[in-house]
Amino acid sequence: MGSKPDAIEPTASNQPRVILAEQLFGEEQEVRIHFKGQEYRLRKTRNGKLILTK
């Protein structure tokens, strides 16, 4: 009842999908994302922000 969902699905097909950062990162501080043959790093900072680098 009080737990957070893993991901929140949009109600309309024209809205983007929402993914909770906790689900994406788990216990890690960084994830790597592959897009069109390139690798990107998404990191959590000590100040609670996100940084995406190529």
C-alpha atoms as a PDB file:
ATOM      1  CA  MET A   1       0.000   0.000   0.000  1.00  0.00           C
ATOM      2  CA  GLY A   2       2.742   2.520   0.929  1.00  0.00           C
ATOM      3  CA  SER A   3       5.465   1.114  -1.311  1.00  0.00           C
ATOM      4  CA  LYS A   4       6.742   2.913  -4.405  1.00  0.00           C
ATOM      5  CA  PRO A   5       6.215   1.294  -7.810  1.00  0.00           C
ATOM      6  CA  ASP A   6       9.270   0.289  -9.862  1.00  0.00           C
ATOM      7  CA  ALA A   7       8.090   2.404 -12.794  1.00  0.00           C
ATOM      8  CA  ILE A   8       5.095   4.601 -13.390  1.00  0.00           C
ATOM      9  CA  GLU A   9       3.356   3.909 -16.672  1.00  0.00           C
ATOM     10  CA  PRO A  10       1.829   6.882 -18.522  1.00  0.00           C
ATOM     11  CA  THR A  11      -1.922   7.005 -18.979  1.00  0.00           C
ATOM     12  CA  ALA A  12      -1.757   8.342 -22.548  1.00  0.00           C
ATOM     13  CA  SER A  13       0.414   6.937 -25.331  1.00  0.00           C
ATOM     14  CA  ASN A  14       1.902  10.356 -26.160  1.00  0.00           C
ATOM     15  CA  GLN A  15       3.497  10.771 -22.714  1.00  0.00           C
ATOM     16  CA  PRO A  16       7.018   9.508 -21.981  1.00  0.00           C
ATOM     17  CA  ARG A  17       7.604   6.552 -19.688  1.00  0.00           C
ATOM     18  CA  VAL A  18       8.815   7.467 -16.182  1.00  0.00           C
ATOM     19  CA  ILE A  19      11.519   5.364 -14.528  1.00  0.00           C
ATOM     20  CA  LEU A  20      12.384   5.892 -10.885  1.00  0.00           C
ATOM     21  CA  ALA A  21      16.075   6.608 -10.315  1.00  0.00           C
ATOM     22  CA  GLU A  22      16.144   4.088  -7.473  1.00  0.00           C
ATOM     23  CA  GLN A  23      15.089   1.360  -9.911  1.00  0.00           C
ATOM     24  CA  LEU A  24      17.624   2.444 -12.529  1.00  0.00           C
ATOM     25  CA  PHE A  25      20.619   2.720 -10.183  1.00  0.00           C
ATOM     26  CA  GLY A  26      19.851   0.164  -7.490  1.00  0.00           C
ATOM     27  CA  GLU A  27      22.782   0.324  -5.051  1.00  0.00           C
ATOM     28  CA  GLU A  28      25.202   1.686  -7.682  1.00  0.00           C
ATOM     29  CA  GLN A  29      26.354   5.275  -8.171  1.00  0.00           C
ATOM     30  CA  GLU A  30      26.688   4.977 -11.954  1.00  0.00           C
ATOM     31  CA  VAL A  31      24.974   3.270 -14.877  1.00  0.00           C
ATOM     32  CA  ARG A  32      26.150   2.990 -18.462  1.00  0.00           C
ATOM     33  CA  ILE A  33      23.721   3.601 -21.298  1.00  0.00           C
ATOM     34  CA  HIS A  34      24.355   2.437 -24.865  1.00  0.00           C
ATOM     35  CA  PHE A  35      22.666   4.575 -27.528  1.00  0.00           C
ATOM     36  CA  LYS A  36      23.319   4.420 -31.278  1.00  0.00           C
ATOM     37  CA  GLY A  37      26.717   2.794 -30.833  1.00  0.00           C
ATOM     38  CA  GLN A  38      27.859   5.267 -28.185  1.00  0.00           C
ATOM     39  CA  GLU A  39      28.284   4.688 -24.458  1.00  0.00           C
ATOM     40  CA  TYR A  40      27.115   7.276 -21.949  1.00  0.00           C
ATOM     41  CA  ARG A  41      27.619   7.358 -18.174  1.00  0.00           C
ATOM     42  CA  LEU A  42      24.844   8.529 -15.869  1.00  0.00           C
ATOM     43  CA  ARG A  43      26.233   9.257 -12.405  1.00  0.00           C
ATOM     44  CA  LYS A  44      24.791  10.362  -9.086  1.00  0.00           C
ATOM     45  CA  THR A  45      26.759  13.149  -7.413  1.00  0.00           C
ATOM     46  CA  ARG A  46      27.390  13.667  -3.699  1.00  0.00           C
ATOM     47  CA  ASN A  47      25.002  16.624  -3.894  1.00  0.00           C
ATOM     48  CA  GLY A  48      22.124  14.433  -5.101  1.00  0.00           C
ATOM     49  CA  LYS A  49      22.232  15.497  -8.749  1.00  0.00           C
ATOM     50  CA  LEU A  50      22.601  13.502 -11.960  1.00  0.00           C
ATOM     51  CA  ILE A  51      25.354  13.972 -14.552  1.00  0.00           C
ATOM     52  CA  LEU A  52      25.235  12.406 -18.043  1.00  0.00           C
ATOM     53  CA  THR A  53      28.591  12.235 -19.865  1.00  0.00           C
ATOM     54  CA  LYS A  54      29.737  10.665 -23.102  1.00  0.00           C
END
